[in-house]
Every structure is written in structure tokens, then in C-alpha cells.
Amino acid sequence: MKLPNTPTTFHIHIPVSVLLSYGDKRLGDIVTHPEGVDGARKELRQMLAEGNQVLVCDSSCDNRNPDGSCAGHPAAKPEAA
């Protein structure tokens, strides 16, 4: 992955396959879903079927790579003192 020349921030993401390998308690501690862990597993499997290999930990991320990971966002410049 080539990083941009400007300061950039990235959202944290977790591989879907790793999430699916977790037991119910551990998965439930990481993700929430209105239908519980069974609903989460169903949605995670659907994500894999659609080609999304990772779950971004911030649903507001609006710049994604084809695998579902965050492609980066320009970082805010610090204010001069």
C-alpha cells in the first residue's frame, strides 16, 4: 500500500474472518447487533460474500478500499500557536 504524501488518518479495522472465529462472548464484547451475535455472524458472512474482508470500526467511514478497509482521510492540520 502506497501512503499519501499528506498527513492522513485511517480508521481501525478487523478482519472479518478473525471476528467469525471468535466465540459468542468475545464476539459480543467487540461488536453489537440488534439481533445479537447470531445476527452479527450473519451480517459478517454476508460481508465476506460481498467481498468485504474487513470490518471498519467506525460506520461513518466514507472512503473504503475494495476489501472494505479504510482508504484514509486527510488529517486536520494542527493550529498554529
N, C-alpha and C. Protein backbone atom coordinates (compact mmCIF):
# COMPACT_ATOMS: atom_id res chain seq x y z
N MET A 1 0.84 -1.17 0.00
CA MET A 1 0.00 0.00 0.00
C MET A 1 0.88 1.23 0.00
N LYS A 2 0.65 2.12 -0.94
CA LYS A 2 1.41 3.36 -1.01
C LYS A 2 0.71 4.41 -0.16
N LEU A 3 1.45 5.00 0.77
CA LEU A 3 0.88 6.02 1.63
C LEU A 3 0.94 7.38 0.96
N PRO A 4 -0.07 8.22 1.20
CA PRO A 4 -0.07 9.55 0.60
C PRO A 4 1.01 10.43 1.20
N ASN A 5 1.36 11.51 0.49
CA ASN A 5 2.38 12.44 0.96
C ASN A 5 1.84 13.41 2.00
N THR A 6 0.53 13.56 2.10
CA THR A 6 -0.07 14.47 3.06
C THR A 6 -0.45 13.69 4.33
N PRO A 7 -0.48 14.37 5.48
CA PRO A 7 -0.88 13.67 6.71
C PRO A 7 -2.27 13.05 6.53
N THR A 8 -2.38 11.79 6.89
CA THR A 8 -3.61 11.03 6.67
C THR A 8 -3.93 10.21 7.91
N THR A 9 -5.21 10.12 8.22
CA THR A 9 -5.65 9.24 9.31
C THR A 9 -6.40 8.06 8.70
N PHE A 10 -6.39 6.94 9.41
CA PHE A 10 -7.07 5.73 8.96
C PHE A 10 -7.93 5.20 10.10
N HIS A 11 -9.11 4.70 9.78
CA HIS A 11 -9.95 4.04 10.77
C HIS A 11 -9.41 2.64 11.04
N ILE A 12 -9.50 2.21 12.26
CA ILE A 12 -9.09 0.86 12.66
C ILE A 12 -10.06 -0.13 12.03
N HIS A 13 -9.55 -1.27 11.62
CA HIS A 13 -10.41 -2.32 11.07
C HIS A 13 -9.93 -3.69 11.54
N ILE A 14 -10.87 -4.65 11.52
CA ILE A 14 -10.60 -6.01 11.98
C ILE A 14 -10.98 -6.99 10.87
N PRO A 15 -10.14 -7.96 10.56
CA PRO A 15 -10.51 -8.95 9.54
C PRO A 15 -11.79 -9.69 9.93
N VAL A 16 -12.72 -9.79 9.00
CA VAL A 16 -13.99 -10.48 9.24
C VAL A 16 -13.76 -11.94 9.62
N SER A 17 -12.80 -12.59 8.98
CA SER A 17 -12.53 -14.00 9.29
C SER A 17 -12.11 -14.17 10.75
N VAL A 18 -11.38 -13.21 11.29
CA VAL A 18 -10.98 -13.27 12.69
C VAL A 18 -12.20 -13.12 13.58
N LEU A 19 -13.06 -12.17 13.27
CA LEU A 19 -14.28 -11.99 14.06
C LEU A 19 -15.14 -13.25 14.06
N LEU A 20 -15.26 -13.87 12.90
CA LEU A 20 -16.07 -15.09 12.80
C LEU A 20 -15.46 -16.26 13.57
N SER A 21 -14.17 -16.22 13.83
CA SER A 21 -13.52 -17.31 14.56
C SER A 21 -13.72 -17.19 16.07
N TYR A 22 -14.17 -16.04 16.55
CA TYR A 22 -14.36 -15.83 17.98
C TYR A 22 -15.61 -16.52 18.48
N GLY A 23 -15.59 -16.92 19.74
CA GLY A 23 -16.77 -17.46 20.40
C GLY A 23 -17.79 -16.35 20.63
N ASP A 24 -18.98 -16.74 21.04
CA ASP A 24 -20.06 -15.78 21.21
C ASP A 24 -19.72 -14.66 22.19
N LYS A 25 -19.13 -14.99 23.32
CA LYS A 25 -18.83 -13.96 24.32
C LYS A 25 -17.85 -12.94 23.77
N ARG A 26 -16.75 -13.42 23.20
CA ARG A 26 -15.73 -12.49 22.69
C ARG A 26 -16.27 -11.65 21.54
N LEU A 27 -17.01 -12.26 20.62
CA LEU A 27 -17.60 -11.51 19.52
C LEU A 27 -18.57 -10.46 20.05
N GLY A 28 -19.39 -10.85 21.03
CA GLY A 28 -20.35 -9.92 21.62
C GLY A 28 -19.69 -8.76 22.36
N ASP A 29 -18.47 -8.99 22.85
CA ASP A 29 -17.73 -7.91 23.51
C ASP A 29 -17.17 -6.91 22.51
N ILE A 30 -17.04 -7.33 21.25
CA ILE A 30 -16.42 -6.48 20.22
C ILE A 30 -17.46 -5.78 19.36
N VAL A 31 -18.48 -6.50 18.95
CA VAL A 31 -19.49 -5.92 18.06
C VAL A 31 -20.87 -5.99 18.72
N THR A 32 -21.72 -5.04 18.35
CA THR A 32 -23.11 -5.08 18.79
C THR A 32 -23.99 -5.17 17.56
N HIS A 33 -25.09 -5.87 17.70
CA HIS A 33 -26.03 -6.04 16.60
C HIS A 33 -27.41 -6.17 17.21
N PRO A 34 -28.43 -5.59 16.58
CA PRO A 34 -29.78 -5.67 17.14
C PRO A 34 -30.28 -7.10 17.33
N GLU A 35 -29.74 -8.05 16.55
CA GLU A 35 -30.15 -9.45 16.64
C GLU A 35 -29.12 -10.30 17.38
N GLY A 36 -28.26 -9.67 18.16
CA GLY A 36 -27.26 -10.38 18.95
C GLY A 36 -26.14 -10.96 18.10
N VAL A 37 -25.40 -11.90 18.68
CA VAL A 37 -24.24 -12.46 17.98
C VAL A 37 -24.65 -13.27 16.75
N ASP A 38 -25.83 -13.89 16.79
CA ASP A 38 -26.27 -14.64 15.60
C ASP A 38 -26.49 -13.68 14.42
N GLY A 39 -27.09 -12.54 14.70
CA GLY A 39 -27.29 -11.53 13.65
C GLY A 39 -25.97 -10.95 13.17
N ALA A 40 -25.04 -10.77 14.10
CA ALA A 40 -23.71 -10.26 13.74
C ALA A 40 -23.00 -11.24 12.82
N ARG A 41 -23.03 -12.52 13.19
CA ARG A 41 -22.38 -13.54 12.35
C ARG A 41 -23.00 -13.58 10.96
N LYS A 42 -24.31 -13.48 10.88
CA LYS A 42 -25.00 -13.50 9.59
C LYS A 42 -24.54 -12.31 8.74
N GLU A 43 -24.48 -11.14 9.36
CA GLU A 43 -24.05 -9.94 8.62
C GLU A 43 -22.58 -10.03 8.22
N LEU A 44 -21.74 -10.56 9.09
CA LEU A 44 -20.32 -10.72 8.76
C LEU A 44 -20.13 -11.70 7.60
N ARG A 45 -20.90 -12.78 7.60
CA ARG A 45 -20.82 -13.74 6.47
C ARG A 45 -21.28 -13.07 5.17
N GLN A 46 -22.30 -12.24 5.26
CA GLN A 46 -22.78 -11.50 4.09
C GLN A 46 -21.70 -10.55 3.59
N MET A 47 -21.00 -9.91 4.51
CA MET A 47 -19.90 -9.02 4.12
C MET A 47 -18.85 -9.78 3.32
N LEU A 48 -18.47 -10.97 3.81
CA LEU A 48 -17.48 -11.78 3.08
C LEU A 48 -17.99 -12.15 1.69
N ALA A 49 -19.27 -12.51 1.59
CA ALA A 49 -19.86 -12.87 0.30
C ALA A 49 -19.82 -11.70 -0.67
N GLU A 50 -19.88 -10.48 -0.15
CA GLU A 50 -19.84 -9.27 -0.99
C GLU A 50 -18.42 -8.79 -1.24
N GLY A 51 -17.42 -9.50 -0.71
CA GLY A 51 -16.02 -9.15 -0.97
C GLY A 51 -15.38 -8.27 0.08
N ASN A 52 -16.11 -7.94 1.15
CA ASN A 52 -15.54 -7.13 2.22
C ASN A 52 -14.79 -8.04 3.18
N GLN A 53 -13.48 -7.93 3.20
CA GLN A 53 -12.64 -8.79 4.03
C GLN A 53 -12.44 -8.26 5.44
N VAL A 54 -12.75 -6.98 5.66
CA VAL A 54 -12.53 -6.37 6.97
C VAL A 54 -13.74 -5.54 7.39
N LEU A 55 -13.88 -5.38 8.70
CA LEU A 55 -14.92 -4.54 9.29
C LEU A 55 -14.24 -3.29 9.83
N VAL A 56 -14.61 -2.14 9.31
CA VAL A 56 -14.08 -0.87 9.81
C VAL A 56 -14.82 -0.55 11.11
N CYS A 57 -14.08 -0.13 12.11
CA CYS A 57 -14.65 0.08 13.44
C CYS A 57 -15.36 1.43 13.59
N ASP A 58 -15.59 2.13 12.51
CA ASP A 58 -16.34 3.39 12.54
C ASP A 58 -17.25 3.42 11.33
N SER A 59 -18.54 3.31 11.56
CA SER A 59 -19.50 3.24 10.45
C SER A 59 -19.58 4.53 9.65
N SER A 60 -19.01 5.63 10.16
CA SER A 60 -19.04 6.89 9.41
C SER A 60 -17.96 6.97 8.34
N CYS A 61 -17.08 5.97 8.26
CA CYS A 61 -16.01 5.97 7.26
C CYS A 61 -16.62 6.00 5.86
N ASP A 62 -16.25 7.01 5.09
CA ASP A 62 -16.81 7.19 3.75
C ASP A 62 -15.77 7.07 2.64
N ASN A 63 -14.65 6.43 2.95
CA ASN A 63 -13.59 6.25 1.95
C ASN A 63 -13.01 4.85 2.15
N ARG A 64 -13.52 3.90 1.38
CA ARG A 64 -13.15 2.49 1.59
C ARG A 64 -12.38 1.92 0.40
N ASN A 65 -11.49 1.00 0.71
CA ASN A 65 -10.80 0.20 -0.30
C ASN A 65 -11.74 -0.92 -0.75
N PRO A 66 -11.44 -1.58 -1.87
CA PRO A 66 -12.30 -2.68 -2.34
C PRO A 66 -12.51 -3.79 -1.31
N ASP A 67 -11.54 -4.00 -0.40
CA ASP A 67 -11.69 -5.06 0.60
C ASP A 67 -12.51 -4.61 1.82
N GLY A 68 -12.94 -3.35 1.82
CA GLY A 68 -13.74 -2.82 2.91
C GLY A 68 -12.95 -2.02 3.93
N SER A 69 -11.62 -2.03 3.84
CA SER A 69 -10.81 -1.29 4.80
C SER A 69 -10.84 0.21 4.50
N CYS A 70 -10.47 0.99 5.49
CA CYS A 70 -10.43 2.45 5.33
C CYS A 70 -9.28 2.82 4.40
N ALA A 71 -9.58 3.65 3.41
CA ALA A 71 -8.56 4.09 2.46
C ALA A 71 -7.85 5.37 2.92
N GLY A 72 -8.27 5.92 4.04
CA GLY A 72 -7.61 7.09 4.60
C GLY A 72 -8.40 8.37 4.41
N HIS A 73 -8.11 9.31 5.29
CA HIS A 73 -8.77 10.61 5.30
C HIS A 73 -7.71 11.67 5.58
N PRO A 74 -7.75 12.81 4.88
CA PRO A 74 -6.77 13.86 5.16
C PRO A 74 -6.86 14.28 6.63
N ALA A 75 -5.71 14.35 7.28
CA ALA A 75 -5.68 14.76 8.69
C ALA A 75 -5.83 16.26 8.79
N ALA A 76 -6.51 16.68 9.83
CA ALA A 76 -6.66 18.11 10.06
C ALA A 76 -5.29 18.67 10.44
N LYS A 77 -4.97 19.83 9.90
CA LYS A 77 -3.69 20.46 10.24
C LYS A 77 -3.78 21.05 11.64
N PRO A 78 -2.75 20.86 12.45
CA PRO A 78 -2.77 21.46 13.79
C PRO A 78 -2.75 22.97 13.69
N GLU A 79 -3.46 23.63 14.59
CA GLU A 79 -3.50 25.08 14.59
C GLU A 79 -2.18 25.63 15.11
N ALA A 80 -1.75 26.74 14.50
CA ALA A 80 -0.52 27.39 14.93
C ALA A 80 -0.72 28.05 16.30
N ALA A 81 0.29 27.99 17.13
CA ALA A 81 0.16 28.55 18.48
C ALA A 81 0.41 30.03 18.48
